[in-house]
Amino acid sequence: MFEGASRLIFENTKNLRGDMTAAEMNLWVKLRKSVNGFKFRRQHPIGIYIADFYCHKAKLIIELDGSIHNIEEVIKNDEERQKELERWGYFVIRSTNKQIMQNQKKLLKLLLK
């Protein structure tokens, strides 16, 4: 479940949980009670990565991207990271912070299917 995440990764997850964006907090309010019986975790370590939101039962990762994810180098890193996670058997859904703040219902509808 943690894919060999190091102690440093676990420490970073604690810091990230205390520094969530408004969009992450907004989505967490909906996911924390579970969706259709699927329990989510926030800032969950997976190998060398930290998933914004993770459902172990579905092997589902939800990533929320802020404006920094529009930078070419970050886009490339995100693509490589997602490909690796998918090779490990995870399904990754990406959304922007803006999309979550404006239309959270669309993502939740996708999860409720």
N, C-alpha and C. Protein backbone atom coordinates (compact mmCIF):
# COMPACT_ATOMS: atom_id res chain seq x y z
N MET A 1 0.82 -1.20 0.00
CA MET A 1 0.00 0.00 0.00
C MET A 1 0.87 1.26 0.00
N PHE A 2 2.01 1.22 0.64
CA PHE A 2 2.89 2.38 0.67
C PHE A 2 4.01 2.26 -0.35
N GLU A 3 4.12 1.09 -1.00
CA GLU A 3 5.13 0.85 -2.03
C GLU A 3 6.54 1.23 -1.56
N GLY A 4 6.85 0.94 -0.30
CA GLY A 4 8.19 1.18 0.22
C GLY A 4 8.51 2.63 0.50
N ALA A 5 7.51 3.43 0.82
CA ALA A 5 7.73 4.86 1.10
C ALA A 5 8.69 5.00 2.29
N SER A 6 9.61 5.94 2.17
CA SER A 6 10.61 6.17 3.21
C SER A 6 10.04 6.98 4.37
N ARG A 7 10.81 7.01 5.45
CA ARG A 7 10.42 7.80 6.62
C ARG A 7 10.29 9.28 6.25
N LEU A 8 11.17 9.77 5.38
CA LEU A 8 11.11 11.17 4.94
C LEU A 8 9.80 11.46 4.22
N ILE A 9 9.35 10.53 3.37
CA ILE A 9 8.07 10.71 2.68
C ILE A 9 6.94 10.81 3.69
N PHE A 10 6.95 9.93 4.70
CA PHE A 10 5.92 9.98 5.74
C PHE A 10 5.95 11.31 6.49
N GLU A 11 7.13 11.83 6.77
CA GLU A 11 7.24 13.13 7.45
C GLU A 11 6.68 14.24 6.56
N ASN A 12 6.96 14.16 5.26
CA ASN A 12 6.44 15.17 4.34
C ASN A 12 4.92 15.13 4.26
N THR A 13 4.33 13.94 4.37
CA THR A 13 2.87 13.86 4.32
C THR A 13 2.24 14.62 5.48
N LYS A 14 2.85 14.53 6.64
CA LYS A 14 2.33 15.26 7.80
C LYS A 14 2.35 16.77 7.55
N ASN A 15 3.45 17.25 6.97
CA ASN A 15 3.55 18.68 6.67
C ASN A 15 2.51 19.10 5.64
N LEU A 16 2.32 18.27 4.62
CA LEU A 16 1.35 18.60 3.57
C LEU A 16 -0.08 18.60 4.10
N ARG A 17 -0.38 17.70 5.02
CA ARG A 17 -1.73 17.68 5.60
C ARG A 17 -2.04 18.97 6.33
N GLY A 18 -1.03 19.58 6.90
CA GLY A 18 -1.22 20.84 7.61
C GLY A 18 -1.20 22.06 6.72
N ASP A 19 -0.89 21.85 5.45
CA ASP A 19 -0.76 22.98 4.52
C ASP A 19 -1.55 22.72 3.24
N MET A 20 -2.78 22.22 3.39
CA MET A 20 -3.60 21.92 2.23
C MET A 20 -4.15 23.19 1.60
N THR A 21 -4.33 23.15 0.28
CA THR A 21 -4.92 24.29 -0.43
C THR A 21 -6.42 24.34 -0.12
N ALA A 22 -7.04 25.46 -0.46
CA ALA A 22 -8.48 25.59 -0.25
C ALA A 22 -9.23 24.53 -1.05
N ALA A 23 -8.78 24.25 -2.26
CA ALA A 23 -9.43 23.24 -3.10
C ALA A 23 -9.30 21.85 -2.46
N GLU A 24 -8.12 21.53 -1.93
CA GLU A 24 -7.92 20.24 -1.27
C GLU A 24 -8.81 20.12 -0.05
N MET A 25 -8.88 21.18 0.74
CA MET A 25 -9.75 21.16 1.94
C MET A 25 -11.21 20.99 1.54
N ASN A 26 -11.61 21.69 0.49
CA ASN A 26 -12.98 21.62 0.00
C ASN A 26 -13.33 20.20 -0.43
N LEU A 27 -12.43 19.56 -1.18
CA LEU A 27 -12.69 18.19 -1.63
C LEU A 27 -12.60 17.21 -0.47
N TRP A 28 -11.67 17.42 0.44
CA TRP A 28 -11.51 16.53 1.58
C TRP A 28 -12.78 16.46 2.43
N VAL A 29 -13.47 17.57 2.57
CA VAL A 29 -14.73 17.59 3.32
C VAL A 29 -15.70 16.58 2.73
N LYS A 30 -15.70 16.44 1.40
CA LYS A 30 -16.61 15.50 0.74
C LYS A 30 -16.10 14.06 0.79
N LEU A 31 -14.78 13.87 0.68
CA LEU A 31 -14.21 12.52 0.59
C LEU A 31 -14.00 11.86 1.93
N ARG A 32 -13.81 12.62 2.98
CA ARG A 32 -13.42 12.04 4.26
C ARG A 32 -14.46 11.12 4.87
N LYS A 33 -15.70 11.29 4.52
CA LYS A 33 -16.77 10.45 5.07
C LYS A 33 -16.98 9.19 4.22
N SER A 34 -16.23 9.03 3.18
CA SER A 34 -16.26 7.95 2.19
C SER A 34 -17.30 8.23 1.12
N VAL A 35 -17.04 7.69 -0.05
CA VAL A 35 -17.91 7.86 -1.21
C VAL A 35 -18.32 6.46 -1.65
N ASN A 36 -19.61 6.19 -1.58
CA ASN A 36 -20.14 4.86 -1.95
C ASN A 36 -19.38 3.72 -1.28
N GLY A 37 -19.01 3.90 -0.05
CA GLY A 37 -18.30 2.87 0.69
C GLY A 37 -16.80 2.82 0.44
N PHE A 38 -16.29 3.75 -0.35
CA PHE A 38 -14.86 3.80 -0.63
C PHE A 38 -14.23 4.85 0.27
N LYS A 39 -13.28 4.42 1.09
CA LYS A 39 -12.61 5.31 2.03
C LYS A 39 -11.40 5.96 1.36
N PHE A 40 -11.27 7.26 1.56
CA PHE A 40 -10.13 8.00 1.00
C PHE A 40 -9.20 8.46 2.11
N ARG A 41 -7.94 8.58 1.76
CA ARG A 41 -6.92 9.15 2.64
C ARG A 41 -6.38 10.38 1.94
N ARG A 42 -5.93 11.34 2.73
CA ARG A 42 -5.34 12.54 2.13
C ARG A 42 -3.84 12.51 2.32
N GLN A 43 -3.13 13.08 1.36
CA GLN A 43 -1.67 13.16 1.41
C GLN A 43 -1.08 11.79 1.79
N HIS A 44 -1.35 10.80 0.96
CA HIS A 44 -0.96 9.42 1.24
C HIS A 44 0.33 9.04 0.52
N PRO A 45 1.32 8.48 1.24
CA PRO A 45 2.59 8.09 0.61
C PRO A 45 2.46 6.83 -0.24
N ILE A 46 3.04 6.88 -1.44
CA ILE A 46 3.10 5.73 -2.33
C ILE A 46 4.49 5.76 -2.96
N GLY A 47 5.37 4.91 -2.48
CA GLY A 47 6.76 4.91 -2.99
C GLY A 47 7.42 6.24 -2.70
N ILE A 48 7.96 6.86 -3.75
CA ILE A 48 8.62 8.16 -3.60
C ILE A 48 7.65 9.31 -3.78
N TYR A 49 6.38 9.00 -3.96
CA TYR A 49 5.37 10.02 -4.25
C TYR A 49 4.40 10.19 -3.08
N ILE A 50 3.68 11.29 -3.12
CA ILE A 50 2.61 11.54 -2.15
C ILE A 50 1.36 11.89 -2.95
N ALA A 51 0.34 11.06 -2.83
CA ALA A 51 -0.92 11.30 -3.54
C ALA A 51 -1.75 12.30 -2.75
N ASP A 52 -2.37 13.24 -3.45
CA ASP A 52 -3.23 14.19 -2.75
C ASP A 52 -4.35 13.45 -2.02
N PHE A 53 -5.02 12.55 -2.75
CA PHE A 53 -6.08 11.72 -2.18
C PHE A 53 -5.93 10.31 -2.73
N TYR A 54 -6.18 9.31 -1.87
CA TYR A 54 -5.96 7.94 -2.29
C TYR A 54 -7.03 7.02 -1.71
N CYS A 55 -7.56 6.14 -2.56
CA CYS A 55 -8.50 5.11 -2.13
C CYS A 55 -7.84 3.76 -2.39
N HIS A 56 -7.50 3.05 -1.31
CA HIS A 56 -6.80 1.77 -1.43
C HIS A 56 -7.68 0.71 -2.11
N LYS A 57 -8.94 0.65 -1.74
CA LYS A 57 -9.85 -0.36 -2.28
C LYS A 57 -9.94 -0.29 -3.81
N ALA A 58 -9.92 0.92 -4.36
CA ALA A 58 -10.04 1.11 -5.81
C ALA A 58 -8.68 1.38 -6.48
N LYS A 59 -7.61 1.47 -5.68
CA LYS A 59 -6.28 1.85 -6.19
C LYS A 59 -6.39 3.15 -7.01
N LEU A 60 -7.16 4.08 -6.47
CA LEU A 60 -7.46 5.35 -7.13
C LEU A 60 -6.72 6.49 -6.46
N ILE A 61 -6.06 7.30 -7.28
CA ILE A 61 -5.35 8.49 -6.82
C ILE A 61 -6.03 9.70 -7.45
N ILE A 62 -6.32 10.70 -6.63
CA ILE A 62 -6.86 11.97 -7.14
C ILE A 62 -5.81 13.03 -6.88
N GLU A 63 -5.41 13.71 -7.94
CA GLU A 63 -4.42 14.77 -7.85
C GLU A 63 -5.07 16.10 -8.19
N LEU A 64 -4.86 17.09 -7.34
CA LEU A 64 -5.34 18.45 -7.61
C LEU A 64 -4.12 19.31 -7.93
N ASP A 65 -4.19 19.98 -9.07
CA ASP A 65 -3.05 20.76 -9.55
C ASP A 65 -3.31 22.25 -9.43
N GLY A 66 -2.38 22.94 -8.77
CA GLY A 66 -2.41 24.40 -8.72
C GLY A 66 -1.69 24.98 -9.93
N SER A 67 -1.52 26.27 -9.96
CA SER A 67 -0.95 26.95 -11.12
C SER A 67 0.49 26.54 -11.42
N ILE A 68 1.23 26.08 -10.42
CA ILE A 68 2.61 25.65 -10.65
C ILE A 68 2.66 24.48 -11.64
N HIS A 69 1.59 23.74 -11.73
CA HIS A 69 1.53 22.59 -12.63
C HIS A 69 1.36 23.00 -14.09
N ASN A 70 1.35 24.30 -14.37
CA ASN A 70 1.31 24.80 -15.74
C ASN A 70 2.71 25.05 -16.29
N ILE A 71 3.73 24.93 -15.47
CA ILE A 71 5.12 25.13 -15.88
C ILE A 71 5.59 23.88 -16.62
N GLU A 72 6.26 24.08 -17.75
CA GLU A 72 6.66 22.98 -18.63
C GLU A 72 7.39 21.85 -17.90
N GLU A 73 8.34 22.19 -17.07
CA GLU A 73 9.11 21.17 -16.34
C GLU A 73 8.22 20.38 -15.37
N VAL A 74 7.31 21.08 -14.72
CA VAL A 74 6.40 20.42 -13.77
C VAL A 74 5.43 19.52 -14.53
N ILE A 75 4.96 19.97 -15.69
CA ILE A 75 4.07 19.15 -16.52
C ILE A 75 4.77 17.84 -16.89
N LYS A 76 6.03 17.95 -17.29
CA LYS A 76 6.80 16.75 -17.66
C LYS A 76 6.94 15.81 -16.46
N ASN A 77 7.27 16.37 -15.30
CA ASN A 77 7.40 15.54 -14.09
C ASN A 77 6.09 14.88 -13.72
N ASP A 78 4.98 15.63 -13.85
CA ASP A 78 3.65 15.08 -13.55
C ASP A 78 3.33 13.91 -14.47
N GLU A 79 3.65 14.06 -15.76
CA GLU A 79 3.38 13.00 -16.73
C GLU A 79 4.19 11.74 -16.40
N GLU A 80 5.46 11.91 -16.07
CA GLU A 80 6.32 10.77 -15.73
C GLU A 80 5.82 10.09 -14.46
N ARG A 81 5.47 10.89 -13.49
CA ARG A 81 4.97 10.37 -12.20
C ARG A 81 3.69 9.57 -12.42
N GLN A 82 2.77 10.13 -13.22
CA GLN A 82 1.50 9.44 -13.47
C GLN A 82 1.73 8.13 -14.22
N LYS A 83 2.61 8.13 -15.21
CA LYS A 83 2.90 6.89 -15.94
C LYS A 83 3.46 5.82 -15.02
N GLU A 84 4.34 6.22 -14.11
CA GLU A 84 4.91 5.25 -13.18
C GLU A 84 3.85 4.70 -12.24
N LEU A 85 3.02 5.57 -11.71
CA LEU A 85 1.94 5.12 -10.82
C LEU A 85 0.99 4.17 -11.55
N GLU A 86 0.70 4.48 -12.81
CA GLU A 86 -0.17 3.61 -13.59
C GLU A 86 0.50 2.26 -13.86
N ARG A 87 1.82 2.25 -14.08
CA ARG A 87 2.54 0.98 -14.24
C ARG A 87 2.44 0.13 -12.97
N TRP A 88 2.36 0.79 -11.82
CA TRP A 88 2.24 0.09 -10.54
C TRP A 88 0.81 -0.39 -10.30
N GLY A 89 -0.11 -0.06 -11.22
CA GLY A 89 -1.48 -0.53 -11.10
C GLY A 89 -2.48 0.46 -10.53
N TYR A 90 -2.08 1.71 -10.39
CA TYR A 90 -2.98 2.74 -9.86
C TYR A 90 -3.70 3.45 -10.99
N PHE A 91 -4.90 3.93 -10.71
CA PHE A 91 -5.66 4.76 -11.64
C PHE A 91 -5.58 6.18 -11.11
N VAL A 92 -5.19 7.13 -11.97
CA VAL A 92 -4.97 8.51 -11.54
C VAL A 92 -5.97 9.44 -12.22
N ILE A 93 -6.65 10.24 -11.41
CA ILE A 93 -7.53 11.30 -11.91
C ILE A 93 -6.88 12.62 -11.54
N ARG A 94 -6.74 13.50 -12.52
CA ARG A 94 -6.17 14.82 -12.29
C ARG A 94 -7.25 15.87 -12.48
N SER A 95 -7.19 16.88 -11.65
CA SER A 95 -8.10 18.02 -11.75
C SER A 95 -7.32 19.25 -11.30
N THR A 96 -7.76 20.40 -11.69
CA THR A 96 -7.11 21.62 -11.23
C THR A 96 -7.83 22.12 -9.98
N ASN A 97 -7.11 22.89 -9.20
CA ASN A 97 -7.74 23.52 -8.03
C ASN A 97 -8.94 24.35 -8.47
N LYS A 98 -8.77 25.05 -9.57
CA LYS A 98 -9.84 25.92 -10.08
C LYS A 98 -11.09 25.10 -10.42
N GLN A 99 -10.89 23.96 -11.09
CA GLN A 99 -12.04 23.10 -11.44
C GLN A 99 -12.76 22.62 -10.19
N ILE A 100 -12.02 22.26 -9.16
CA ILE A 100 -12.63 21.78 -7.92
C ILE A 100 -13.42 22.90 -7.25
N MET A 101 -12.86 24.08 -7.22
CA MET A 101 -13.55 25.19 -6.57
C MET A 101 -14.80 25.61 -7.34
N GLN A 102 -14.75 25.48 -8.68
CA GLN A 102 -15.88 25.92 -9.49
C GLN A 102 -16.92 24.83 -9.75
N ASN A 103 -16.46 23.57 -9.86
CA ASN A 103 -17.39 22.52 -10.24
C ASN A 103 -17.00 21.18 -9.62
N GLN A 104 -17.00 21.12 -8.32
CA GLN A 104 -16.65 19.91 -7.60
C GLN A 104 -17.62 18.77 -7.90
N LYS A 105 -18.86 19.12 -8.22
CA LYS A 105 -19.88 18.11 -8.47
C LYS A 105 -19.50 17.19 -9.63
N LYS A 106 -18.79 17.72 -10.62
CA LYS A 106 -18.39 16.92 -11.78
C LYS A 106 -17.45 15.78 -11.35
N LEU A 107 -16.47 16.07 -10.53
CA LEU A 107 -15.55 15.03 -10.05
C LEU A 107 -16.28 14.04 -9.15
N LEU A 108 -17.11 14.54 -8.27
CA LEU A 108 -17.86 13.65 -7.38
C LEU A 108 -18.80 12.75 -8.17
N LYS A 109 -19.40 13.27 -9.24
CA LYS A 109 -20.28 12.47 -10.07
C LYS A 109 -19.49 11.34 -10.72
N LEU A 110 -18.28 11.63 -11.17
CA LEU A 110 -17.40 10.62 -11.76
C LEU A 110 -17.08 9.53 -10.72
N LEU A 111 -16.84 9.92 -9.49
CA LEU A 111 -16.52 8.97 -8.43
C LEU A 111 -17.72 8.12 -8.01
N LEU A 112 -18.90 8.67 -8.16
CA LEU A 112 -20.11 7.98 -7.71
C LEU A 112 -20.62 6.96 -8.72
N LYS A 113 -20.04 6.94 -9.90
CA LYS A 113 -20.48 5.97 -10.93
C LYS A 113 -20.10 4.58 -10.55
